[in-house]
C-alpha atoms as a PDB file:
ATOM      1  CA  MET A   1     141.238 102.590  93.023  1.00  0.00           C
ATOM      2  CA  SER A   2     138.545 105.146  93.874  1.00  0.00           C
ATOM      3  CA  THR A   3     136.965 107.619  91.471  1.00  0.00           C
ATOM      4  CA  LEU A   4     133.964 109.946  91.668  1.00  0.00           C
ATOM      5  CA  THR A   5     131.260 109.434  89.052  1.00  0.00           C
ATOM      6  CA  GLU A   6     128.066 111.518  89.186  1.00  0.00           C
ATOM      7  CA  ASN A   7     128.464 112.092  92.967  1.00  0.00           C
ATOM      8  CA  ILE A   8     128.760 108.355  93.516  1.00  0.00           C
ATOM      9  CA  SER A   9     132.137 107.158  94.776  1.00  0.00           C
ATOM     10  CA  VAL A  10     133.351 103.966  93.142  1.00  0.00           C
ATOM     11  CA  GLU A  11     135.753 101.482  94.672  1.00  0.00           C
ATOM     12  CA  LYS A  12     136.624  98.904  92.062  1.00  0.00           C
ATOM     13  CA  VAL A  13     137.679  95.315  92.681  1.00  0.00           C
ATOM     14  CA  LYS A  14     141.331  94.485  92.183  1.00  0.00           C
ATOM     15  CA  SER A  15     140.475  91.650  89.815  1.00  0.00           C
ATOM     16  CA  SER A  16     137.136  90.659  88.279  1.00  0.00           C
ATOM     17  CA  ARG A  17     135.499  87.248  88.713  1.00  0.00           C
ATOM     18  CA  LEU A  18     133.777  87.581  85.343  1.00  0.00           C
ATOM     19  CA  GLN A  19     135.985  84.995  83.614  1.00  0.00           C
ATOM     20  CA  GLU A  20     135.029  82.380  86.215  1.00  0.00           C
ATOM     21  CA  VAL A  21     131.330  82.426  85.269  1.00  0.00           C
ATOM     22  CA  ASP A  22     129.767  79.839  82.952  1.00  0.00           C
ATOM     23  CA  PHE A  23     127.153  81.994  81.255  1.00  0.00           C
ATOM     24  CA  ASP A  24     125.758  79.008  79.356  1.00  0.00           C
ATOM     25  CA  ASN A  25     124.715  77.297  82.585  1.00  0.00           C
ATOM     26  CA  LEU A  26     123.384  80.004  84.868  1.00  0.00           C
ATOM     27  CA  SER A  27     120.944  79.156  87.616  1.00  0.00           C
ATOM     28  CA  PHE A  28     118.703  81.884  88.993  1.00  0.00           C
ATOM     29  CA  GLY A  29     120.179  84.331  91.487  1.00  0.00           C
ATOM     30  CA  SER A  30     123.179  82.341  92.697  1.00  0.00           C
ATOM     31  CA  VAL A  31     126.122  84.074  90.953  1.00  0.00           C
ATOM     32  CA  PHE A  32     126.843  87.700  91.844  1.00  0.00           C
ATOM     33  CA  THR A  33     128.676  90.499  90.053  1.00  0.00           C
ATOM     34  CA  ASP A  34     131.865  92.209  91.212  1.00  0.00           C
ATOM     35  CA  HIS A  35     130.233  95.290  92.743  1.00  0.00           C
ATOM     36  CA  MET A  36     127.191  96.450  94.665  1.00  0.00           C
ATOM     37  CA  LEU A  37     125.655  99.826  95.509  1.00  0.00           C
ATOM     38  CA  VAL A  38     125.283 100.846  99.167  1.00  0.00           C
ATOM     39  CA  ALA A  39     123.599 103.886 100.761  1.00  0.00           C
ATOM     40  CA  LYS A  40     123.049 104.548 104.449  1.00  0.00           C
ATOM     41  CA  TYR A  41     120.267 106.370 106.282  1.00  0.00           C
ATOM     42  CA  LYS A  42     121.679 108.144 109.333  1.00  0.00           C
ATOM     43  CA  ASN A  43     120.802 111.231 111.367  1.00  0.00           C
ATOM     44  CA  GLY A  44     117.473 111.589 109.601  1.00  0.00           C
ATOM     45  CA  ALA A  45     118.713 111.585 105.996  1.00  0.00           C
ATOM     46  CA  TRP A  46     119.916 109.289 103.223  1.00  0.00           C
ATOM     47  CA  GLU A  47     123.624 109.667 102.480  1.00  0.00           C
ATOM     48  CA  ASN A  48     125.136 109.600  98.987  1.00  0.00           C
ATOM     49  CA  PRO A  49     125.440 106.052  97.655  1.00  0.00           C
ATOM     50  CA  LYS A  50     128.741 104.275  97.072  1.00  0.00           C
ATOM     51  CA  ILE A  51     129.702 101.473  94.719  1.00  0.00           C
ATOM     52  CA  VAL A  52     131.945  98.967  96.461  1.00  0.00           C
ATOM     53  CA  PRO A  53     133.169  95.414  95.812  1.00  0.00           C
ATOM     54  CA  TYR A  54     130.498  92.794  96.452  1.00  0.00           C
ATOM     55  CA  GLN A  55     131.176  91.579  99.976  1.00  0.00           C
ATOM     56  CA  PRO A  56     129.637  90.212 103.181  1.00  0.00           C
ATOM     57  CA  LEU A  57     127.997  92.611 105.624  1.00  0.00           C
ATOM     58  CA  THR A  58     128.985  93.143 109.240  1.00  0.00           C
ATOM     59  CA  LEU A  59     126.057  93.830 111.568  1.00  0.00           C
ATOM     60  CA  ASN A  60     125.642  94.163 115.313  1.00  0.00           C
ATOM     61  CA  PRO A  61     123.552  91.312 116.798  1.00  0.00           C
ATOM     62  CA  ALA A  62     121.175  94.015 118.046  1.00  0.00           C
ATOM     63  CA  ALA A  63     120.483  95.289 114.507  1.00  0.00           C
ATOM     64  CA  LYS A  64     116.707  95.579 114.340  1.00  0.00           C
ATOM     65  CA  ILE A  65     116.387  93.624 111.096  1.00  0.00           C
ATOM     66  CA  PHE A  66     117.083  90.487 113.137  1.00  0.00           C
ATOM     67  CA  HIS A  67     114.380  91.206 115.704  1.00  0.00           C
ATOM     68  CA  TYR A  68     111.551  93.153 114.111  1.00  0.00           C
ATOM     69  CA  GLY A  69     111.855  92.323 110.430  1.00  0.00           C
ATOM     70  CA  GLN A  70     112.003  95.765 108.845  1.00  0.00           C
ATOM     71  CA  SER A  71     113.061  94.614 105.407  1.00  0.00           C
ATOM     72  CA  ILE A  72     111.750  95.376 101.922  1.00  0.00           C
ATOM     73  CA  PHE A  73     112.988  94.623  98.416  1.00  0.00           C
ATOM     74  CA  GLU A  74     112.292  94.863  94.713  1.00  0.00           C
ATOM     75  CA  GLY A  75     112.967  92.563  91.772  1.00  0.00           C
ATOM     76  CA  MET A  76     114.072  93.909  88.401  1.00  0.00           C
ATOM     77  CA  LYS A  77     116.095  92.871  85.368  1.00  0.00           C
ATOM     78  CA  ALA A  78     118.546  94.473  82.955  1.00  0.00           C
ATOM     79  CA  TYR A  79     118.676  93.247  79.360  1.00  0.00           C
ATOM     80  CA  LYS A  80     121.256  93.532  76.592  1.00  0.00           C
ATOM     81  CA  ASP A  81     120.104  93.697  72.982  1.00  0.00           C
ATOM     82  CA  GLU A  82     121.935  92.403  69.913  1.00  0.00           C
ATOM     83  CA  HIS A  83     123.787  95.709  69.558  1.00  0.00           C
ATOM     84  CA  GLY A  84     125.097  95.608  73.137  1.00  0.00           C
ATOM     85  CA  SER A  85     122.789  98.342  74.466  1.00  0.00           C
ATOM     86  CA  VAL A  86     121.501  97.908  78.025  1.00  0.00           C
ATOM     87  CA  TRP A  87     117.823  98.308  78.901  1.00  0.00           C
ATOM     88  CA  LEU A  88     115.558  98.366  81.947  1.00  0.00           C
ATOM     89  CA  PHE A  89     111.810  97.676  82.015  1.00  0.00           C
ATOM     90  CA  ARG A  90     109.623 100.242  83.846  1.00  0.00           C
ATOM     91  CA  PRO A  91     112.300 100.940  86.502  1.00  0.00           C
ATOM     92  CA  LYS A  92     110.538 103.957  88.006  1.00  0.00           C
ATOM     93  CA  ASP A  93     107.573 101.729  88.824  1.00  0.00           C
ATOM     94  CA  ASN A  94     109.939  99.638  90.937  1.00  0.00           C
ATOM     95  CA  GLN A  95     111.271 102.768  92.628  1.00  0.00           C
ATOM     96  CA  LYS A  96     107.763 103.978  93.445  1.00  0.00           C
ATOM     97  CA  ARG A  97     106.701 100.562  94.736  1.00  0.00           C
ATOM     98  CA  LEU A  98     109.792 100.339  96.943  1.00  0.00           C
ATOM     99  CA  ASN A  99     108.661 103.528  98.649  1.00  0.00           C
ATOM    100  CA  ILE A 100     105.090 102.247  99.005  1.00  0.00           C
ATOM    101  CA  SER A 101     106.571  99.251 100.823  1.00  0.00           C
ATOM    102  CA  ALA A 102     108.871 101.515 102.834  1.00  0.00           C
ATOM    103  CA  LYS A 103     105.994 103.662 104.066  1.00  0.00           C
ATOM    104  CA  ARG A 104     103.993 100.623 105.213  1.00  0.00           C
ATOM    105  CA  MET A 105     107.013  99.214 107.077  1.00  0.00           C
ATOM    106  CA  ALA A 106     107.917 102.564 108.725  1.00  0.00           C
ATOM    107  CA  ILE A 107     111.159 102.766 106.721  1.00  0.00           C
ATOM    108  CA  PRO A 108     112.307 106.188 105.442  1.00  0.00           C
ATOM    109  CA  GLU A 109     111.426 106.598 101.769  1.00  0.00           C
ATOM    110  CA  LEU A 110     114.360 106.547  99.359  1.00  0.00           C
ATOM    111  CA  PRO A 111     114.861 109.539  97.037  1.00  0.00           C
ATOM    112  CA  GLU A 112     114.358 108.695  93.367  1.00  0.00           C
ATOM    113  CA  HIS A 113     117.772 110.055  92.374  1.00  0.00           C
ATOM    114  CA  ILE A 114     119.571 107.657  94.751  1.00  0.00           C
ATOM    115  CA  PHE A 115     117.663 104.720  93.299  1.00  0.00           C
ATOM    116  CA  MET A 116     117.868 105.640  89.612  1.00  0.00           C
ATOM    117  CA  ASP A 117     121.299 107.294  89.475  1.00  0.00           C
ATOM    118  CA  GLY A 118     122.796 104.584  91.658  1.00  0.00           C
ATOM    119  CA  LEU A 119     121.256 101.793  89.600  1.00  0.00           C
ATOM    120  CA  GLU A 120     122.391 103.253  86.296  1.00  0.00           C
ATOM    121  CA  ALA A 121     125.929 103.879  87.557  1.00  0.00           C
ATOM    122  CA  LEU A 122     126.146 100.310  88.836  1.00  0.00           C
ATOM    123  CA  LEU A 123     124.842  98.860  85.566  1.00  0.00           C
ATOM    124  CA  ARG A 124     127.284 100.880  83.480  1.00  0.00           C
ATOM    125  CA  LEU A 125     130.118  99.513  85.600  1.00  0.00           C
ATOM    126  CA  GLU A 126     128.824  95.914  85.429  1.00  0.00           C
ATOM    127  CA  LYS A 127     127.489  95.863  81.854  1.00  0.00           C
ATOM    128  CA  ASP A 128     129.795  93.017  80.830  1.00  0.00           C
ATOM    129  CA  TRP A 129     127.990  90.812  83.386  1.00  0.00           C
ATOM    130  CA  ILE A 130     124.697  91.034  81.493  1.00  0.00           C
ATOM    131  CA  PRO A 131     124.238  87.688  79.716  1.00  0.00           C
ATOM    132  CA  THR A 132     123.145  87.497  76.097  1.00  0.00           C
ATOM    133  CA  GLN A 133     122.038  83.856  76.026  1.00  0.00           C
ATOM    134  CA  ALA A 134     118.363  83.293  75.197  1.00  0.00           C
ATOM    135  CA  GLY A 135     116.127  83.729  78.227  1.00  0.00           C
ATOM    136  CA  SER A 136     118.942  85.111  80.390  1.00  0.00           C
ATOM    137  CA  SER A 137     119.227  88.553  81.965  1.00  0.00           C
ATOM    138  CA  LEU A 138     120.874  90.400  84.822  1.00  0.00           C
ATOM    139  CA  TYR A 139     118.626  90.113  87.863  1.00  0.00           C
ATOM    140  CA  ILE A 140     118.595  93.244  90.024  1.00  0.00           C
ATOM    141  CA  ARG A 141     117.796  93.115  93.736  1.00  0.00           C
ATOM    142  CA  PRO A 142     117.354  96.501  95.447  1.00  0.00           C
ATOM    143  CA  PHE A 143     116.588  96.152  99.171  1.00  0.00           C
ATOM    144  CA  ILE A 144     116.432  98.140 102.399  1.00  0.00           C
ATOM    145  CA  PHE A 145     116.785  96.776 105.912  1.00  0.00           C
ATOM    146  CA  ALA A 146     116.960  98.115 109.460  1.00  0.00           C
ATOM    147  CA  SER A 147     120.628  98.319 110.437  1.00  0.00           C
ATOM    148  CA  GLY A 148     120.051 100.508 113.496  1.00  0.00           C
ATOM    149  CA  GLU A 149     120.584  98.772 116.818  1.00  0.00           C
ATOM    150  CA  GLY A 150     118.487  98.093 119.901  1.00  0.00           C
ATOM    151  CA  PHE A 151     116.100  95.580 121.442  1.00  0.00           C
ATOM    152  CA  HIS A 152     113.274  98.065 121.909  1.00  0.00           C
ATOM    153  CA  ALA A 153     110.275  97.235 119.708  1.00  0.00           C
ATOM    154  CA  SER A 154     110.266 100.355 117.554  1.00  0.00           C
ATOM    155  CA  PRO A 155     111.422 101.421 114.096  1.00  0.00           C
ATOM    156  CA  ALA A 156     115.183 101.654 113.673  1.00  0.00           C
ATOM    157  CA  ASN A 157     117.042 104.956 113.432  1.00  0.00           C
ATOM    158  CA  GLU A 158     119.447 103.688 110.761  1.00  0.00           C
ATOM    159  CA  TYR A 159     118.844 101.778 107.532  1.00  0.00           C
ATOM    160  CA  THR A 160     120.926 100.346 104.710  1.00  0.00           C
ATOM    161  CA  PHE A 161     119.967 100.349 101.022  1.00  0.00           C
ATOM    162  CA  ILE A 162     121.771  97.932  98.698  1.00  0.00           C
ATOM    163  CA  ILE A 163     121.497  96.995  95.044  1.00  0.00           C
ATOM    164  CA  ALA A 164     123.045  93.630  94.222  1.00  0.00           C
ATOM    165  CA  LEU A 165     123.183  92.038  90.762  1.00  0.00           C
ATOM    166  CA  ALA A 166     123.045  88.416  89.651  1.00  0.00           C
ATOM    167  CA  PRO A 167     123.384  87.183  86.042  1.00  0.00           C
ATOM    168  CA  SER A 168     120.651  84.592  85.775  1.00  0.00           C
ATOM    169  CA  GLY A 169     119.082  82.037  83.512  1.00  0.00           C
ATOM    170  CA  GLY A 170     115.378  81.244  83.436  1.00  0.00           C
ATOM    171  CA  TYR A 171     113.443  81.098  86.709  1.00  0.00           C
ATOM    172  CA  PHE A 172     111.157  78.172  85.883  1.00  0.00           C
ATOM    173  CA  SER A 173     111.564  75.523  83.219  1.00  0.00           C
ATOM    174  CA  GLY A 174     108.463  73.825  81.922  1.00  0.00           C
ATOM    175  CA  LYS A 175     104.939  74.149  83.220  1.00  0.00           C
ATOM    176  CA  VAL A 176     103.955  74.308  86.858  1.00  0.00           C
ATOM    177  CA  LYS A 177     101.669  72.095  88.954  1.00  0.00           C
ATOM    178  CA  VAL A 178      99.964  74.049  91.733  1.00  0.00           C
ATOM    179  CA  LEU A 179      97.829  73.332  94.791  1.00  0.00           C
ATOM    180  CA  ILE A 180      95.002  75.678  95.754  1.00  0.00           C
ATOM    181  CA  GLU A 181      95.519  76.464  99.436  1.00  0.00           C
ATOM    182  CA  GLU A 182      92.606  75.770 101.789  1.00  0.00           C
ATOM    183  CA  LYS A 183      94.113  76.424 105.229  1.00  0.00           C
ATOM    184  CA  TYR A 184      97.060  78.825 105.284  1.00  0.00           C
ATOM    185  CA  SER A 185      96.932  82.499 104.275  1.00  0.00           C
ATOM    186  CA  ARG A 186      99.571  84.653 102.649  1.00  0.00           C
ATOM    187  CA  ALA A 187      98.146  87.972 103.828  1.00  0.00           C
ATOM    188  CA  ALA A 188      95.147  89.609 105.525  1.00  0.00           C
ATOM    189  CA  ASN A 189      93.119  92.808 105.181  1.00  0.00           C
ATOM    190  CA  GLY A 190      94.911  95.696 106.817  1.00  0.00           C
ATOM    191  CA  GLY A 191      98.207  93.800 106.702  1.00  0.00           C
ATOM    192  CA  VAL A 192     101.328  94.091 104.564  1.00  0.00           C
ATOM    193  CA  GLY A 193     100.508  91.726 101.716  1.00  0.00           C
ATOM    194  CA  PHE A 194     100.705  94.546  99.145  1.00  0.00           C
ATOM    195  CA  ALA A 195     104.255  95.403 100.247  1.00  0.00           C
ATOM    196  CA  LYS A 196     107.343  93.539  99.108  1.00  0.00           C
ATOM    197  CA  ALA A 197     108.332  92.858 102.694  1.00  0.00           C
ATOM    198  CA  GLY A 198     110.671  89.987 103.490  1.00  0.00           C
ATOM    199  CA  GLY A 199     108.315  88.457 106.045  1.00  0.00           C
ATOM    200  CA  ASN A 200     105.596  87.984 103.432  1.00  0.00           C
ATOM    201  CA  TYR A 201     107.803  85.464 101.701  1.00  0.00           C
ATOM    202  CA  ALA A 202     109.099  83.753 104.837  1.00  0.00           C
ATOM    203  CA  GLY A 203     105.506  82.942 105.774  1.00  0.00           C
ATOM    204  CA  GLN A 204     104.938  81.249 102.405  1.00  0.00           C
ATOM    205  CA  PHE A 205     107.725  78.719 102.711  1.00  0.00           C
ATOM    206  CA  TYR A 206     106.101  76.221 105.087  1.00  0.00           C
ATOM    207  CA  PRO A 207     102.762  75.847 103.230  1.00  0.00           C
ATOM    208  CA  THR A 208     104.677  75.639  99.945  1.00  0.00           C
ATOM    209  CA  GLN A 209     106.916  72.949 101.429  1.00  0.00           C
ATOM    210  CA  LEU A 210     103.806  70.939 102.350  1.00  0.00           C
ATOM    211  CA  ALA A 211     102.524  71.284  98.777  1.00  0.00           C
ATOM    212  CA  VAL A 212     105.883  70.176  97.344  1.00  0.00           C
ATOM    213  CA  GLU A 213     105.733  67.053  99.540  1.00  0.00           C
ATOM    214  CA  LYS A 214     102.412  66.243  97.819  1.00  0.00           C
ATOM    215  CA  GLY A 215     103.971  66.548  94.365  1.00  0.00           C
ATOM    216  CA  TYR A 216     103.155  70.163  93.511  1.00  0.00           C
ATOM    217  CA  HIS A 217     105.540  72.960  92.621  1.00  0.00           C
ATOM    218  CA  GLN A 218     103.713  75.914  94.126  1.00  0.00           C
ATOM    219  CA  VAL A 219     100.656  77.097  96.044  1.00  0.00           C
ATOM    220  CA  ILE A 220      97.839  79.282  94.785  1.00  0.00           C
ATOM    221  CA  TRP A 221      96.891  81.451  97.729  1.00  0.00           C
ATOM    222  CA  THR A 222      93.265  82.114  98.567  1.00  0.00           C
ATOM    223  CA  ASP A 223      91.623  84.847 100.642  1.00  0.00           C
ATOM    224  CA  ASP A 224      92.290  84.808 104.375  1.00  0.00           C
ATOM    225  CA  VAL A 225      88.639  84.671 105.535  1.00  0.00           C
ATOM    226  CA  SER A 226      86.813  82.034 103.494  1.00  0.00           C
ATOM    227  CA  HIS A 227      89.500  80.603 101.169  1.00  0.00           C
ATOM    228  CA  GLU A 228      86.908  80.942  98.403  1.00  0.00           C
ATOM    229  CA  TYR A 229      88.798  83.310  96.077  1.00  0.00           C
ATOM    230  CA  LEU A 230      92.112  83.062  94.227  1.00  0.00           C
ATOM    231  CA  GLU A 231      94.735  85.631  95.228  1.00  0.00           C
ATOM    232  CA  GLU A 232      98.305  84.916  94.092  1.00  0.00           C
ATOM    233  CA  ALA A 233     100.280  82.049  92.551  1.00  0.00           C
ATOM    234  CA  GLY A 234     103.299  81.476  94.774  1.00  0.00           C
ATOM    235  CA  ALA A 235     105.162  84.785  94.653  1.00  0.00           C
ATOM    236  CA  MET A 236     103.398  85.877  91.455  1.00  0.00           C
ATOM    237  CA  ASN A 237     100.099  87.387  90.390  1.00  0.00           C
ATOM    238  CA  VAL A 238      97.713  84.815  88.929  1.00  0.00           C
ATOM    239  CA  PHE A 239      95.722  84.976  85.680  1.00  0.00           C
ATOM    240  CA  VAL A 240      92.890  82.683  84.579  1.00  0.00           C
ATOM    241  CA  ARG A 241      91.472  82.324  81.073  1.00  0.00           C
ATOM    242  CA  ILE A 242      87.870  81.151  80.937  1.00  0.00           C
ATOM    243  CA  GLY A 243      86.678  80.881  77.366  1.00  0.00           C
ATOM    244  CA  ASP A 244      88.304  83.827  75.612  1.00  0.00           C
ATOM    245  CA  THR A 245      88.353  86.115  78.659  1.00  0.00           C
ATOM    246  CA  LEU A 246      91.501  86.738  80.685  1.00  0.00           C
ATOM    247  CA  ILE A 247      90.759  87.370  84.370  1.00  0.00           C
ATOM    248  CA  THR A 248      92.913  88.470  87.292  1.00  0.00           C
ATOM    249  CA  GLY A 249      92.044  89.552  90.813  1.00  0.00           C
ATOM    250  CA  PRO A 250      92.038  93.203  91.890  1.00  0.00           C
ATOM    251  CA  THR A 251      94.910  94.551  93.935  1.00  0.00           C
ATOM    252  CA  SER A 252      94.207  95.087  97.618  1.00  0.00           C
ATOM    253  CA  ASP A 253      95.874  95.089 101.030  1.00  0.00           C
ATOM    254  CA  ARG A 254      96.608  91.414 100.338  1.00  0.00           C
ATOM    255  CA  ILE A 255      97.777  91.409  96.718  1.00  0.00           C
ATOM    256  CA  LEU A 256     100.952  92.910  95.290  1.00  0.00           C
ATOM    257  CA  ASP A 257     100.500  95.465  92.524  1.00  0.00           C
ATOM    258  CA  GLY A 258     102.713  93.563  90.110  1.00  0.00           C
ATOM    259  CA  ILE A 259     104.481  95.464  87.346  1.00  0.00           C
ATOM    260  CA  THR A 260     104.287  92.436  85.034  1.00  0.00           C
ATOM    261  CA  ARG A 261     100.593  92.138  85.950  1.00  0.00           C
ATOM    262  CA  LYS A 262      99.921  95.725  84.884  1.00  0.00           C
ATOM    263  CA  SER A 263     101.895  95.212  81.685  1.00  0.00           C
ATOM    264  CA  ILE A 264      99.977  92.060  80.785  1.00  0.00           C
ATOM    265  CA  LEU A 265      96.635  93.811  81.235  1.00  0.00           C
ATOM    266  CA  GLN A 266      97.709  96.685  78.988  1.00  0.00           C
ATOM    267  CA  ILE A 267      99.159  94.429  76.291  1.00  0.00           C
ATOM    268  CA  ALA A 268      96.070  92.188  76.381  1.00  0.00           C
ATOM    269  CA  GLU A 269      93.892  95.249  75.804  1.00  0.00           C
ATOM    270  CA  ASP A 270      96.160  96.268  72.925  1.00  0.00           C
ATOM    271  CA  GLU A 271      95.804  92.782  71.421  1.00  0.00           C
ATOM    272  CA  GLY A 272      92.023  92.895  71.691  1.00  0.00           C
ATOM    273  CA  ILE A 273      91.895  90.177  74.346  1.00  0.00           C
ATOM    274  CA  PRO A 274      88.836  90.551  76.620  1.00  0.00           C
ATOM    275  CA  THR A 275      90.006  91.148  80.200  1.00  0.00           C
ATOM    276  CA  GLU A 276      88.307  91.368  83.573  1.00  0.00           C
ATOM    277  CA  VAL A 277      89.778  92.531  86.878  1.00  0.00           C
ATOM    278  CA  ARG A 278      87.548  90.994  89.537  1.00  0.00           C
ATOM    279  CA  LYS A 279      87.420  88.405  92.282  1.00  0.00           C
ATOM    280  CA  ILE A 280      87.814  84.849  90.963  1.00  0.00           C
ATOM    281  CA  SER A 281      86.187  82.124  93.043  1.00  0.00           C
ATOM    282  CA  VAL A 282      87.686  78.667  93.344  1.00  0.00           C
ATOM    283  CA  ALA A 283      84.226  77.247  92.589  1.00  0.00           C
ATOM    284  CA  GLU A 284      84.124  79.173  89.296  1.00  0.00           C
ATOM    285  CA  VAL A 285      87.530  77.847  88.249  1.00  0.00           C
ATOM    286  CA  VAL A 286      86.663  74.254  89.172  1.00  0.00           C
ATOM    287  CA  GLU A 287      83.329  74.474  87.332  1.00  0.00           C
ATOM    288  CA  ALA A 288      85.028  75.942  84.250  1.00  0.00           C
ATOM    289  CA  ALA A 289      87.596  73.122  84.320  1.00  0.00           C
ATOM    290  CA  LYS A 290      84.860  70.490  84.486  1.00  0.00           C
ATOM    291  CA  LYS A 291      83.031  72.065  81.547  1.00  0.00           C
ATOM    292  CA  GLY A 292      86.162  72.461  79.430  1.00  0.00           C
ATOM    293  CA  MET A 293      85.927  76.249  79.568  1.00  0.00           C
ATOM    294  CA  LEU A 294      89.113  76.728  81.587  1.00  0.00           C
ATOM    295  CA  LYS A 295      91.717  77.296  78.864  1.00  0.00           C
ATOM    296  CA  GLU A 296      94.715  78.681  80.766  1.00  0.00           C
ATOM    297  CA  MET A 297      96.123  79.591  84.151  1.00  0.00           C
ATOM    298  CA  PHE A 298      99.468  81.274  84.625  1.00  0.00           C
ATOM    299  CA  GLY A 299     101.541  83.197  87.129  1.00  0.00           C
ATOM    300  CA  ALA A 300     103.056  86.550  86.194  1.00  0.00           C
ATOM    301  CA  GLY A 301     106.049  88.256  87.778  1.00  0.00           C
ATOM    302  CA  THR A 302     109.482  89.733  87.135  1.00  0.00           C
ATOM    303  CA  ALA A 303     111.469  86.536  87.596  1.00  0.00           C
ATOM    304  CA  ALA A 304     109.512  84.207  85.311  1.00  0.00           C
ATOM    305  CA  VAL A 305     107.572  86.862  83.317  1.00  0.00           C
ATOM    306  CA  VAL A 306     104.824  84.324  82.543  1.00  0.00           C
ATOM    307  CA  SER A 307     104.758  80.853  84.091  1.00  0.00           C
ATOM    308  CA  PRO A 308     102.058  78.568  82.622  1.00  0.00           C
ATOM    309  CA  ILE A 309     100.190  76.250  84.994  1.00  0.00           C
ATOM    310  CA  SER A 310      99.555  72.770  83.627  1.00  0.00           C
ATOM    311  CA  VAL A 311      97.652  71.246  86.580  1.00  0.00           C
ATOM    312  CA  PHE A 312      95.904  72.594  89.656  1.00  0.00           C
ATOM    313  CA  GLY A 313      94.885  70.512  92.629  1.00  0.00           C
ATOM    314  CA  TYR A 314      91.898  71.173  94.891  1.00  0.00           C
ATOM    315  CA  GLN A 315      90.292  69.041  97.600  1.00  0.00           C
ATOM    316  CA  GLY A 316      92.112  65.899  96.519  1.00  0.00           C
ATOM    317  CA  THR A 317      91.415  66.210  92.778  1.00  0.00           C
ATOM    318  CA  ASP A 318      93.847  67.329  90.066  1.00  0.00           C
ATOM    319  CA  TYR A 319      92.522  69.281  87.101  1.00  0.00           C
ATOM    320  CA  GLU A 320      94.615  69.348  83.926  1.00  0.00           C
ATOM    321  CA  LEU A 321      94.624  72.330  81.636  1.00  0.00           C
ATOM    322  CA  PRO A 322      94.583  71.842  77.861  1.00  0.00           C
ATOM    323  CA  GLU A 323      97.644  72.195  75.638  1.00  0.00           C
ATOM    324  CA  LEU A 324      97.011  75.156  73.336  1.00  0.00           C
ATOM    325  CA  SER A 325      98.914  75.848  70.142  1.00  0.00           C
ATOM    326  CA  GLU A 326      98.231  79.590  70.412  1.00  0.00           C
ATOM    327  CA  SER A 327      97.992  80.482  74.095  1.00  0.00           C
ATOM    328  CA  TYR A 328      97.561  83.895  75.639  1.00  0.00           C
ATOM    329  CA  ALA A 329     100.516  83.073  77.894  1.00  0.00           C
ATOM    330  CA  ASP A 330     102.878  82.611  74.940  1.00  0.00           C
ATOM    331  CA  LEU A 331     101.587  85.695  73.136  1.00  0.00           C
ATOM    332  CA  LEU A 332     101.828  87.960  76.178  1.00  0.00           C
ATOM    333  CA  LYS A 333     105.250  86.694  77.196  1.00  0.00           C
ATOM    334  CA  LYS A 334     106.570  87.304  73.690  1.00  0.00           C
ATOM    335  CA  ARG A 335     105.180  90.832  73.581  1.00  0.00           C
ATOM    336  CA  ILE A 336     106.734  91.707  76.947  1.00  0.00           C
ATOM    337  CA  THR A 337     110.126  90.112  76.311  1.00  0.00           C
ATOM    338  CA  ASP A 338     110.333  91.689  72.839  1.00  0.00           C
ATOM    339  CA  ILE A 339     110.020  95.073  74.558  1.00  0.00           C
ATOM    340  CA  GLN A 340     112.485  94.134  77.296  1.00  0.00           C
ATOM    341  CA  TYR A 341     115.186  92.901  74.920  1.00  0.00           C
ATOM    342  CA  ASN A 342     114.598  95.734  72.399  1.00  0.00           C
ATOM    343  CA  ARG A 343     113.366  93.305  69.760  1.00  0.00           C
ATOM    344  CA  GLY A 344     109.999  94.932  69.143  1.00  0.00           C
ATOM    345  CA  GLU A 345     108.012  98.150  69.267  1.00  0.00           C
ATOM    346  CA  ASP A 346     107.528  99.782  72.651  1.00  0.00           C
ATOM    347  CA  LYS A 347     104.359 101.809  72.123  1.00  0.00           C
ATOM    348  CA  PHE A 348     103.867 102.180  75.895  1.00  0.00           C
ATOM    349  CA  GLY A 349     107.196 103.861  76.700  1.00  0.00           C
ATOM    350  CA  TRP A 350     108.252 101.144  79.154  1.00  0.00           C
ATOM    351  CA  ARG A 351     111.797 100.602  77.916  1.00  0.00           C
ATOM    352  CA  HIS A 352     114.533 102.624  79.638  1.00  0.00           C
ATOM    353  CA  GLN A 353     117.996 102.773  78.080  1.00  0.00           C
ATOM    354  CA  VAL A 354     121.010 102.757  80.399  1.00  0.00           C
ATOM    355  CA  VAL A 355     123.864 102.678  77.923  1.00  0.00           C
END
């Protein structure tokens, strides 16, 4: 059956798969909802989006995504509170960042109304898929890729925008053991490290695989020239607490301007936690660990929110971080998730109600 809702055509599935899902045992991003949103860019303009049943895509082998990697994405979540209301967290920041990525990858920017109206219409349709179990949420993956065809090395003339949804449990369980990278680089000055481009992540897999073979969970990336400064923790921004001061690196061509990162800095300031945004040298972190001044390290991102690091390895030595009864990581994660799940005050205006 097709209907028209807010200029978005909706084709509903004949029967939902919702009853087949075990919401008490959700892994991350492996179960998908009944519907997805699709919009096409053709003839120099974005067309109205459509909601259709979740389904495989059919692409010509000459589609430029396969050859030149024009692909960008975002990561978001929808949350359901105890009253059944549905909330987003800073969604317009995701929309703006998608277009920053689009511009860098020579992809046509997506109008805000297609992103926001399409997302809200899709969430209203799929609201029953939003889990209510502790730590669970509905993961949202908006992405754009080059669907135009041709072997010529140039931007495509057609693109496809999709929003797919996946009810998900927690991203990481427990604390993470990381290896500080000394050889491989995630990104370089003048490159695309600040964009959420698919190729950024493909290039991480091999070095991370090498670290996993050594017994670590993730890599902490260092700068591309000297490998002297911390950059990101896996696919997350990285924070370091030395003494009572919380430190994170500045954004740049190489570092993603994380929405969780920005939120943590603002909440830390609100809590009276001393913060510094500056370059963090590996030597400084190692020295602080040796002196007992290194109190915490954690990654921050949409998927995990805050992921504490228990051990970091560097030049053949592992350095353990102390167990704290009142950590910044726990405090900041609680403040953010209380806003996201509508459990606490939102003095920053970050919460966005859908229904």
